[in-house]
All heavy atoms as atom14 arrays in JSON, in Angstrom:
{
  "sequence": "SFSGEVGISAWNGFAMARFCAQDAARLRADMMAVLARTGAALPRL",
  "atom14_mask": [
    [1, 1, 1, 1, 1, 1, 0, 0, 0, 0, 0, 0, 0, 0],
    [1, 1, 1, 1, 1, 1, 1, 1, 1, 1, 1, 0, 0, 0],
    [1, 1, 1, 1, 1, 1, 0, 0, 0, 0, 0, 0, 0, 0],
    [1, 1, 1, 1, 0, 0, 0, 0, 0, 0, 0, 0, 0, 0],
    [1, 1, 1, 1, 1, 1, 1, 1, 1, 0, 0, 0, 0, 0],
    [1, 1, 1, 1, 1, 1, 1, 0, 0, 0, 0, 0, 0, 0],
    [1, 1, 1, 1, 0, 0, 0, 0, 0, 0, 0, 0, 0, 0],
    [1, 1, 1, 1, 1, 1, 1, 1, 0, 0, 0, 0, 0, 0],
    [1, 1, 1, 1, 1, 1, 0, 0, 0, 0, 0, 0, 0, 0],
    [1, 1, 1, 1, 1, 0, 0, 0, 0, 0, 0, 0, 0, 0],
    [1, 1, 1, 1, 1, 1, 1, 1, 1, 1, 1, 1, 1, 1],
    [1, 1, 1, 1, 1, 1, 1, 1, 0, 0, 0, 0, 0, 0],
    [1, 1, 1, 1, 0, 0, 0, 0, 0, 0, 0, 0, 0, 0],
    [1, 1, 1, 1, 1, 1, 1, 1, 1, 1, 1, 0, 0, 0],
    [1, 1, 1, 1, 1, 0, 0, 0, 0, 0, 0, 0, 0, 0],
    [1, 1, 1, 1, 1, 1, 1, 1, 0, 0, 0, 0, 0, 0],
    [1, 1, 1, 1, 1, 0, 0, 0, 0, 0, 0, 0, 0, 0],
    [1, 1, 1, 1, 1, 1, 1, 1, 1, 1, 1, 0, 0, 0],
    [1, 1, 1, 1, 1, 1, 1, 1, 1, 1, 1, 0, 0, 0],
    [1, 1, 1, 1, 1, 1, 0, 0, 0, 0, 0, 0, 0, 0],
    [1, 1, 1, 1, 1, 0, 0, 0, 0, 0, 0, 0, 0, 0],
    [1, 1, 1, 1, 1, 1, 1, 1, 1, 0, 0, 0, 0, 0],
    [1, 1, 1, 1, 1, 1, 1, 1, 0, 0, 0, 0, 0, 0],
    [1, 1, 1, 1, 1, 0, 0, 0, 0, 0, 0, 0, 0, 0],
    [1, 1, 1, 1, 1, 0, 0, 0, 0, 0, 0, 0, 0, 0],
    [1, 1, 1, 1, 1, 1, 1, 1, 1, 1, 1, 0, 0, 0],
    [1, 1, 1, 1, 1, 1, 1, 1, 0, 0, 0, 0, 0, 0],
    [1, 1, 1, 1, 1, 1, 1, 1, 1, 1, 1, 0, 0, 0],
    [1, 1, 1, 1, 1, 0, 0, 0, 0, 0, 0, 0, 0, 0],
    [1, 1, 1, 1, 1, 1, 1, 1, 0, 0, 0, 0, 0, 0],
    [1, 1, 1, 1, 1, 1, 1, 1, 0, 0, 0, 0, 0, 0],
    [1, 1, 1, 1, 1, 1, 1, 1, 0, 0, 0, 0, 0, 0],
    [1, 1, 1, 1, 1, 0, 0, 0, 0, 0, 0, 0, 0, 0],
    [1, 1, 1, 1, 1, 1, 1, 0, 0, 0, 0, 0, 0, 0],
    [1, 1, 1, 1, 1, 1, 1, 1, 0, 0, 0, 0, 0, 0],
    [1, 1, 1, 1, 1, 0, 0, 0, 0, 0, 0, 0, 0, 0],
    [1, 1, 1, 1, 1, 1, 1, 1, 1, 1, 1, 0, 0, 0],
    [1, 1, 1, 1, 1, 1, 1, 0, 0, 0, 0, 0, 0, 0],
    [1, 1, 1, 1, 0, 0, 0, 0, 0, 0, 0, 0, 0, 0],
    [1, 1, 1, 1, 1, 0, 0, 0, 0, 0, 0, 0, 0, 0],
    [1, 1, 1, 1, 1, 0, 0, 0, 0, 0, 0, 0, 0, 0],
    [1, 1, 1, 1, 1, 1, 1, 1, 0, 0, 0, 0, 0, 0],
    [1, 1, 1, 1, 1, 1, 1, 0, 0, 0, 0, 0, 0, 0],
    [1, 1, 1, 1, 1, 1, 1, 1, 1, 1, 1, 0, 0, 0],
    [1, 1, 1, 1, 1, 1, 1, 1, 0, 0, 0, 0, 0, 0]
  ],
  "atom14_positions": [
    [[-22.3, -67.81, -20.24], [-23.66, -67.58, -20.64], [-24.54, -67.13, -19.38], [-25.64, -66.77, -19.64], [-24.25, -68.82, -21.21], [-24.37, -69.83, -20.24], [0.0, 0.0, 0.0], [0.0, 0.0, 0.0], [0.0, 0.0, 0.0], [0.0, 0.0, 0.0], [0.0, 0.0, 0.0], [0.0, 0.0, 0.0], [0.0, 0.0, 0.0], [0.0, 0.0, 0.0]],
    [[-23.97, -67.21, -18.12], [-24.77, -66.87, -17.04], [-25.01, -65.34, -16.88], [-24.01, -64.54, -17.09], [-24.07, -67.35, -15.76], [-23.94, -68.85, -15.68], [-22.82, -69.45, -15.02], [-24.95, -69.69, -16.27], [-22.69, -70.79, -14.99], [-24.8, -71.06, -16.15], [-23.66, -71.65, -15.57], [0.0, 0.0, 0.0], [0.0, 0.0, 0.0], [0.0, 0.0, 0.0]],
    [[-26.2, -64.97, -16.59], [-26.48, -63.51, -16.43], [-26.46, -63.07, -14.95], [-26.36, -61.87, -14.68], [-27.86, -63.18, -16.95], [-28.87, -63.98, -16.31], [0.0, 0.0, 0.0], [0.0, 0.0, 0.0], [0.0, 0.0, 0.0], [0.0, 0.0, 0.0], [0.0, 0.0, 0.0], [0.0, 0.0, 0.0], [0.0, 0.0, 0.0], [0.0, 0.0, 0.0]],
    [[-26.4, -64.03, -14.04], [-26.27, -63.73, -12.59], [-24.95, -64.42, -12.08], [-24.12, -64.81, -12.9], [0.0, 0.0, 0.0], [0.0, 0.0, 0.0], [0.0, 0.0, 0.0], [0.0, 0.0, 0.0], [0.0, 0.0, 0.0], [0.0, 0.0, 0.0], [0.0, 0.0, 0.0], [0.0, 0.0, 0.0], [0.0, 0.0, 0.0], [0.0, 0.0, 0.0]],
    [[-24.91, -64.55, -10.79], [-23.75, -65.24, -10.18], [-24.08, -66.71, -9.96], [-25.14, -67.07, -9.44], [-23.4, -64.57, -8.9], [-22.88, -63.16, -9.02], [-22.32, -62.63, -7.75], [-21.64, -63.38, -7.0], [-22.63, -61.45, -7.44], [0.0, 0.0, 0.0], [0.0, 0.0, 0.0], [0.0, 0.0, 0.0], [0.0, 0.0, 0.0], [0.0, 0.0, 0.0]],
    [[-23.19, -67.59, -10.32], [-23.33, -69.03, -10.16], [-22.03, -69.58, -9.55], [-20.95, -69.37, -10.17], [-23.67, -69.73, -11.44], [-23.9, -71.21, -11.2], [-24.97, -69.1, -12.06], [0.0, 0.0, 0.0], [0.0, 0.0, 0.0], [0.0, 0.0, 0.0], [0.0, 0.0, 0.0], [0.0, 0.0, 0.0], [0.0, 0.0, 0.0], [0.0, 0.0, 0.0]],
    [[-22.13, -70.36, -8.51], [-20.96, -71.02, -7.92], [-21.28, -72.48, -7.78], [-22.45, -72.83, -7.44], [0.0, 0.0, 0.0], [0.0, 0.0, 0.0], [0.0, 0.0, 0.0], [0.0, 0.0, 0.0], [0.0, 0.0, 0.0], [0.0, 0.0, 0.0], [0.0, 0.0, 0.0], [0.0, 0.0, 0.0], [0.0, 0.0, 0.0], [0.0, 0.0, 0.0]],
    [[-20.35, -73.39, -8.06], [-20.59, -74.78, -7.93], [-19.4, -75.51, -7.38], [-18.26, -75.16, -7.67], [-20.99, -75.37, -9.29], [-21.3, -76.88, -9.14], [-19.93, -75.2, -10.3], [-22.02, -77.5, -10.27], [0.0, 0.0, 0.0], [0.0, 0.0, 0.0], [0.0, 0.0, 0.0], [0.0, 0.0, 0.0], [0.0, 0.0, 0.0], [0.0, 0.0, 0.0]],
    [[-19.65, -76.46, -6.56], [-18.57, -77.32, -6.0], [-19.08, -78.72, -5.75], [-20.27, -78.93, -5.79], [-18.04, -76.65, -4.7], [-19.03, -76.5, -3.81], [0.0, 0.0, 0.0], [0.0, 0.0, 0.0], [0.0, 0.0, 0.0], [0.0, 0.0, 0.0], [0.0, 0.0, 0.0], [0.0, 0.0, 0.0], [0.0, 0.0, 0.0], [0.0, 0.0, 0.0]],
    [[-18.19, -79.64, -5.46], [-18.53, -81.05, -5.22], [-17.76, -81.58, -3.99], [-16.58, -81.26, -3.81], [-18.26, -81.91, -6.45], [0.0, 0.0, 0.0], [0.0, 0.0, 0.0], [0.0, 0.0, 0.0], [0.0, 0.0, 0.0], [0.0, 0.0, 0.0], [0.0, 0.0, 0.0], [0.0, 0.0, 0.0], [0.0, 0.0, 0.0], [0.0, 0.0, 0.0]],
    [[-18.47, -82.28, -3.17], [-17.84, -82.94, -2.01], [-18.77, -84.04, -1.49], [-20.08, -84.0, -1.79], [-17.5, -81.86, -0.93], [-18.65, -81.42, -0.11], [-19.03, -81.72, 1.12], [-19.58, -80.32, -0.5], [-20.09, -81.0, 1.56], [-20.53, -80.13, 0.57], [-19.72, -79.57, -1.66], [-21.5, -79.27, 0.55], [-20.76, -78.64, -1.71], [-21.64, -78.49, -0.62]],
    [[-18.26, -84.95, -0.72], [-19.1, -86.02, -0.2], [-19.92, -86.75, -1.16], [-20.98, -87.33, -0.9], [-20.01, -85.45, 0.98], [-19.32, -85.25, 2.25], [-18.18, -85.6, 2.43], [-20.02, -84.69, 3.17], [0.0, 0.0, 0.0], [0.0, 0.0, 0.0], [0.0, 0.0, 0.0], [0.0, 0.0, 0.0], [0.0, 0.0, 0.0], [0.0, 0.0, 0.0]],
    [[-19.46, -86.79, -2.45], [-20.18, -87.55, -3.47], [-21.28, -86.85, -4.09], [-22.09, -87.44, -4.89], [0.0, 0.0, 0.0], [0.0, 0.0, 0.0], [0.0, 0.0, 0.0], [0.0, 0.0, 0.0], [0.0, 0.0, 0.0], [0.0, 0.0, 0.0], [0.0, 0.0, 0.0], [0.0, 0.0, 0.0], [0.0, 0.0, 0.0], [0.0, 0.0, 0.0]],
    [[-21.48, -85.55, -3.85], [-22.6, -84.82, -4.51], [-22.08, -83.39, -4.92], [-21.02, -82.98, -4.46], [-23.81, -84.66, -3.64], [-23.56, -83.86, -2.37], [-23.8, -82.49, -2.38], [-23.18, -84.49, -1.15], [-23.57, -81.71, -1.22], [-23.0, -83.73, -0.02], [-23.22, -82.39, -0.05], [0.0, 0.0, 0.0], [0.0, 0.0, 0.0], [0.0, 0.0, 0.0]],
    [[-22.82, -82.78, -5.78], [-22.45, -81.41, -6.29], [-23.55, -80.46, -5.86], [-24.69, -80.82, -5.79], [-22.23, -81.43, -7.79], [0.0, 0.0, 0.0], [0.0, 0.0, 0.0], [0.0, 0.0, 0.0], [0.0, 0.0, 0.0], [0.0, 0.0, 0.0], [0.0, 0.0, 0.0], [0.0, 0.0, 0.0], [0.0, 0.0, 0.0], [0.0, 0.0, 0.0]],
    [[-23.18, -79.21, -5.68], [-24.14, -78.19, -5.33], [-23.87, -76.88, -6.12], [-22.71, -76.48, -6.14], [-24.2, -77.91, -3.86], [-25.17, -76.78, -3.49], [-25.44, -76.72, -1.68], [-26.55, -78.12, -1.46], [0.0, 0.0, 0.0], [0.0, 0.0, 0.0], [0.0, 0.0, 0.0], [0.0, 0.0, 0.0], [0.0, 0.0, 0.0], [0.0, 0.0, 0.0]],
    [[-24.86, -76.39, -6.79], [-24.76, -75.11, -7.47], [-25.57, -74.03, -6.71], [-26.7, -74.34, -6.31], [-25.19, -75.18, -8.92], [0.0, 0.0, 0.0], [0.0, 0.0, 0.0], [0.0, 0.0, 0.0], [0.0, 0.0, 0.0], [0.0, 0.0, 0.0], [0.0, 0.0, 0.0], [0.0, 0.0, 0.0], [0.0, 0.0, 0.0], [0.0, 0.0, 0.0]],
    [[-24.98, -72.82, -6.55], [-25.62, -71.73, -5.92], [-25.86, -70.62, -6.92], [-24.99, -70.3, -7.73], [-24.8, -71.14, -4.74], [-24.33, -72.2, -3.74], [-25.39, -72.45, -2.73], [-24.85, -73.18, -1.52], [-25.56, -73.45, -0.51], [-26.88, -73.3, -0.47], [-24.99, -74.06, 0.56], [0.0, 0.0, 0.0], [0.0, 0.0, 0.0], [0.0, 0.0, 0.0]],
    [[-27.03, -70.01, -6.86], [-27.41, -69.02, -7.79], [-27.81, -67.7, -7.11], [-28.49, -67.77, -6.07], [-28.6, -69.48, -8.72], [-28.33, -70.7, -9.45], [-28.48, -71.97, -8.8], [-27.99, -70.69, -10.78], [-28.26, -73.11, -9.48], [-27.74, -71.88, -11.48], [-27.93, -73.11, -10.85], [0.0, 0.0, 0.0], [0.0, 0.0, 0.0], [0.0, 0.0, 0.0]],
    [[-27.54, -66.58, -7.7], [-28.03, -65.25, -7.24], [-28.13, -64.4, -8.42], [-27.25, -64.31, -9.26], [-27.06, -64.67, -6.23], [-27.59, -63.06, -5.53], [0.0, 0.0, 0.0], [0.0, 0.0, 0.0], [0.0, 0.0, 0.0], [0.0, 0.0, 0.0], [0.0, 0.0, 0.0], [0.0, 0.0, 0.0], [0.0, 0.0, 0.0], [0.0, 0.0, 0.0]],
    [[-29.3, -63.7, -8.54], [-29.57, -62.86, -9.74], [-30.48, -61.7, -9.27], [-31.08, -61.69, -8.26], [-30.23, -63.67, -10.81], [0.0, 0.0, 0.0], [0.0, 0.0, 0.0], [0.0, 0.0, 0.0], [0.0, 0.0, 0.0], [0.0, 0.0, 0.0], [0.0, 0.0, 0.0], [0.0, 0.0, 0.0], [0.0, 0.0, 0.0], [0.0, 0.0, 0.0]],
    [[-30.54, -60.72, -10.15], [-31.36, -59.52, -9.89], [-32.88, -59.81, -9.9], [-33.63, -59.11, -9.25], [-31.03, -58.42, -10.84], [-29.65, -57.87, -10.71], [-29.4, -57.27, -9.31], [-30.26, -56.44, -8.9], [-28.34, -57.72, -8.68], [0.0, 0.0, 0.0], [0.0, 0.0, 0.0], [0.0, 0.0, 0.0], [0.0, 0.0, 0.0], [0.0, 0.0, 0.0]],
    [[-33.27, -60.86, -10.67], [-34.68, -61.11, -10.76], [-34.82, -62.67, -11.08], [-33.88, -63.38, -11.4], [-35.42, -60.3, -11.8], [-34.74, -60.36, -13.19], [-34.57, -61.5, -13.69], [-34.42, -59.32, -13.71], [0.0, 0.0, 0.0], [0.0, 0.0, 0.0], [0.0, 0.0, 0.0], [0.0, 0.0, 0.0], [0.0, 0.0, 0.0], [0.0, 0.0, 0.0]],
    [[-36.09, -63.05, -11.02], [-36.41, -64.53, -11.15], [-36.1, -65.02, -12.61], [-35.63, -66.12, -12.79], [-37.85, -64.75, -10.86], [0.0, 0.0, 0.0], [0.0, 0.0, 0.0], [0.0, 0.0, 0.0], [0.0, 0.0, 0.0], [0.0, 0.0, 0.0], [0.0, 0.0, 0.0], [0.0, 0.0, 0.0], [0.0, 0.0, 0.0], [0.0, 0.0, 0.0]],
    [[-36.41, -64.15, -13.63], [-36.18, -64.57, -15.0], [-34.77, -64.86, -15.27], [-34.39, -65.95, -15.94], [-36.78, -63.49, -15.94], [0.0, 0.0, 0.0], [0.0, 0.0, 0.0], [0.0, 0.0, 0.0], [0.0, 0.0, 0.0], [0.0, 0.0, 0.0], [0.0, 0.0, 0.0], [0.0, 0.0, 0.0], [0.0, 0.0, 0.0], [0.0, 0.0, 0.0]],
    [[-33.85, -64.1, -14.81], [-32.41, -64.29, -15.06], [-31.92, -65.55, -14.27], [-31.19, -66.36, -14.81], [-31.6, -63.08, -14.63], [-31.94, -61.88, -15.4], [-31.07, -60.7, -14.9], [-31.52, -59.39, -15.52], [-31.01, -58.2, -15.31], [-29.91, -58.12, -14.46], [-31.49, -57.2, -15.89], [0.0, 0.0, 0.0], [0.0, 0.0, 0.0], [0.0, 0.0, 0.0]],
    [[-32.44, -65.69, -13.05], [-32.02, -66.87, -12.29], [-32.53, -68.19, -12.87], [-31.78, -69.15, -12.95], [-32.4, -66.74, -10.83], [-31.74, -67.72, -9.95], [-31.53, -67.12, -8.51], [-32.48, -69.06, -9.76], [0.0, 0.0, 0.0], [0.0, 0.0, 0.0], [0.0, 0.0, 0.0], [0.0, 0.0, 0.0], [0.0, 0.0, 0.0], [0.0, 0.0, 0.0]],
    [[-33.76, -68.13, -13.35], [-34.34, -69.23, -14.01], [-33.58, -69.68, -15.21], [-33.37, -70.87, -15.48], [-35.83, -68.99, -14.35], [-36.62, -70.18, -14.8], [-38.04, -69.71, -15.12], [-38.87, -70.75, -15.64], [-39.85, -71.36, -14.98], [-40.07, -70.98, -13.73], [-40.6, -72.25, -15.53], [0.0, 0.0, 0.0], [0.0, 0.0, 0.0], [0.0, 0.0, 0.0]],
    [[-33.17, -68.68, -16.02], [-32.35, -68.96, -17.23], [-31.07, -69.64, -16.86], [-30.61, -70.59, -17.56], [-32.14, -67.69, -18.03], [0.0, 0.0, 0.0], [0.0, 0.0, 0.0], [0.0, 0.0, 0.0], [0.0, 0.0, 0.0], [0.0, 0.0, 0.0], [0.0, 0.0, 0.0], [0.0, 0.0, 0.0], [0.0, 0.0, 0.0], [0.0, 0.0, 0.0]],
    [[-30.38, -69.13, -15.83], [-29.17, -69.77, -15.33], [-29.34, -71.16, -14.85], [-28.55, -72.02, -15.08], [-28.49, -68.91, -14.25], [-28.02, -67.53, -14.73], [-27.87, -67.38, -16.02], [-27.67, -66.68, -13.96], [0.0, 0.0, 0.0], [0.0, 0.0, 0.0], [0.0, 0.0, 0.0], [0.0, 0.0, 0.0], [0.0, 0.0, 0.0], [0.0, 0.0, 0.0]],
    [[-30.43, -71.33, -14.14], [-30.78, -72.69, -13.58], [-30.94, -73.66, -14.74], [-30.47, -74.8, -14.68], [-31.97, -72.62, -12.67], [-32.39, -73.98, -12.12], [-31.41, -74.51, -10.68], [-32.17, -73.45, -9.38], [0.0, 0.0, 0.0], [0.0, 0.0, 0.0], [0.0, 0.0, 0.0], [0.0, 0.0, 0.0], [0.0, 0.0, 0.0], [0.0, 0.0, 0.0]],
    [[-31.65, -73.24, -15.79], [-31.92, -74.11, -16.92], [-30.63, -74.45, -17.65], [-30.5, -75.55, -18.14], [-32.94, -73.42, -17.88], [-34.32, -73.37, -17.28], [-35.56, -72.44, -18.25], [-35.78, -73.57, -19.64], [0.0, 0.0, 0.0], [0.0, 0.0, 0.0], [0.0, 0.0, 0.0], [0.0, 0.0, 0.0], [0.0, 0.0, 0.0], [0.0, 0.0, 0.0]],
    [[-29.73, -73.46, -17.77], [-28.39, -73.74, -18.38], [-27.6, -74.74, -17.6], [-27.02, -75.68, -18.17], [-27.63, -72.48, -18.52], [0.0, 0.0, 0.0], [0.0, 0.0, 0.0], [0.0, 0.0, 0.0], [0.0, 0.0, 0.0], [0.0, 0.0, 0.0], [0.0, 0.0, 0.0], [0.0, 0.0, 0.0], [0.0, 0.0, 0.0], [0.0, 0.0, 0.0]],
    [[-27.67, -74.67, -16.27], [-26.97, -75.67, -15.43], [-27.57, -77.05, -15.58], [-26.88, -78.06, -15.79], [-26.97, -75.24, -13.98], [-26.53, -76.35, -13.06], [-26.07, -74.05, -13.82], [0.0, 0.0, 0.0], [0.0, 0.0, 0.0], [0.0, 0.0, 0.0], [0.0, 0.0, 0.0], [0.0, 0.0, 0.0], [0.0, 0.0, 0.0], [0.0, 0.0, 0.0]],
    [[-28.92, -77.13, -15.54], [-29.58, -78.41, -15.63], [-29.34, -79.09, -16.98], [-29.22, -80.31, -17.06], [-31.11, -78.26, -15.38], [-31.49, -77.78, -14.0], [-33.01, -77.68, -13.88], [-30.89, -78.66, -12.95], [0.0, 0.0, 0.0], [0.0, 0.0, 0.0], [0.0, 0.0, 0.0], [0.0, 0.0, 0.0], [0.0, 0.0, 0.0], [0.0, 0.0, 0.0]],
    [[-29.19, -78.27, -18.05], [-28.87, -78.8, -19.34], [-27.53, -79.56, -19.32], [-27.37, -80.59, -20.02], [-28.88, -77.73, -20.39], [0.0, 0.0, 0.0], [0.0, 0.0, 0.0], [0.0, 0.0, 0.0], [0.0, 0.0, 0.0], [0.0, 0.0, 0.0], [0.0, 0.0, 0.0], [0.0, 0.0, 0.0], [0.0, 0.0, 0.0], [0.0, 0.0, 0.0]],
    [[-26.62, -79.03, -18.62], [-25.31, -79.65, -18.46], [-25.32, -80.94, -17.69], [-24.44, -81.81, -17.8], [-24.31, -78.69, -17.79], [-23.98, -77.46, -18.62], [-22.97, -77.84, -19.71], [-22.84, -76.69, -20.73], [-21.78, -76.57, -21.47], [-20.78, -77.47, -21.34], [-21.68, -75.65, -22.28], [0.0, 0.0, 0.0], [0.0, 0.0, 0.0], [0.0, 0.0, 0.0]],
    [[-26.33, -81.17, -16.84], [-26.46, -82.38, -16.08], [-27.13, -83.47, -16.84], [-27.26, -84.57, -16.48], [-27.23, -82.16, -14.73], [-28.66, -81.87, -15.11], [-26.65, -81.01, -13.98], [0.0, 0.0, 0.0], [0.0, 0.0, 0.0], [0.0, 0.0, 0.0], [0.0, 0.0, 0.0], [0.0, 0.0, 0.0], [0.0, 0.0, 0.0], [0.0, 0.0, 0.0]],
    [[-27.8, -83.09, -17.98], [-28.55, -84.05, -18.78], [-29.98, -84.19, -18.32], [-30.67, -85.1, -18.81], [0.0, 0.0, 0.0], [0.0, 0.0, 0.0], [0.0, 0.0, 0.0], [0.0, 0.0, 0.0], [0.0, 0.0, 0.0], [0.0, 0.0, 0.0], [0.0, 0.0, 0.0], [0.0, 0.0, 0.0], [0.0, 0.0, 0.0], [0.0, 0.0, 0.0]],
    [[-30.41, -83.38, -17.38], [-31.75, -83.49, -16.81], [-32.84, -83.08, -17.84], [-32.68, -82.11, -18.53], [-31.89, -82.67, -15.54], [0.0, 0.0, 0.0], [0.0, 0.0, 0.0], [0.0, 0.0, 0.0], [0.0, 0.0, 0.0], [0.0, 0.0, 0.0], [0.0, 0.0, 0.0], [0.0, 0.0, 0.0], [0.0, 0.0, 0.0], [0.0, 0.0, 0.0]],
    [[-33.93, -83.74, -17.82], [-35.1, -83.39, -18.65], [-35.98, -82.47, -17.88], [-36.44, -82.83, -16.75], [-35.86, -84.62, -19.11], [0.0, 0.0, 0.0], [0.0, 0.0, 0.0], [0.0, 0.0, 0.0], [0.0, 0.0, 0.0], [0.0, 0.0, 0.0], [0.0, 0.0, 0.0], [0.0, 0.0, 0.0], [0.0, 0.0, 0.0], [0.0, 0.0, 0.0]],
    [[-36.25, -81.25, -18.31], [-37.07, -80.27, -17.66], [-38.52, -80.63, -17.75], [-39.0, -81.11, -18.81], [-36.8, -78.87, -18.15], [-35.46, -78.25, -17.88], [-35.33, -76.99, -18.62], [-35.26, -78.07, -16.41], [0.0, 0.0, 0.0], [0.0, 0.0, 0.0], [0.0, 0.0, 0.0], [0.0, 0.0, 0.0], [0.0, 0.0, 0.0], [0.0, 0.0, 0.0]],
    [[-39.32, -80.43, -16.71], [-40.81, -80.6, -16.78], [-41.37, -79.67, -17.85], [-40.84, -78.53, -18.08], [-41.28, -80.13, -15.4], [-40.13, -80.33, -14.44], [-38.94, -79.92, -15.3], [0.0, 0.0, 0.0], [0.0, 0.0, 0.0], [0.0, 0.0, 0.0], [0.0, 0.0, 0.0], [0.0, 0.0, 0.0], [0.0, 0.0, 0.0], [0.0, 0.0, 0.0]],
    [[-42.4, -80.08, -18.53], [-43.02, -79.24, -19.57], [-43.49, -77.9, -19.09], [-43.43, -76.89, -19.8], [-44.22, -80.04, -20.21], [-43.82, -81.33, -20.87], [-45.08, -82.08, -21.31], [-44.69, -83.39, -21.96], [-45.59, -84.28, -22.3], [-46.89, -84.04, -22.12], [-45.22, -85.42, -22.77], [0.0, 0.0, 0.0], [0.0, 0.0, 0.0], [0.0, 0.0, 0.0]],
    [[-43.94, -77.83, -17.83], [-44.37, -76.61, -17.26], [-43.31, -75.52, -17.18], [-43.53, -74.32, -17.08], [-45.02, -76.82, -15.9], [-46.34, -77.58, -15.91], [-46.83, -77.97, -14.56], [-47.45, -76.66, -16.5], [0.0, 0.0, 0.0], [0.0, 0.0, 0.0], [0.0, 0.0, 0.0], [0.0, 0.0, 0.0], [0.0, 0.0, 0.0], [0.0, 0.0, 0.0]]
  ]
}
């Protein structure tokens, strides 16, 4: 479902996802998709 490039890995007890996209809208959509998988509640804004 990602429209840009997303890479993720885990080490030292934490995970990190990296994002790169052609514009902010696509990256924001990818970020929201990743956060949904973590169970995080997004701010209303």
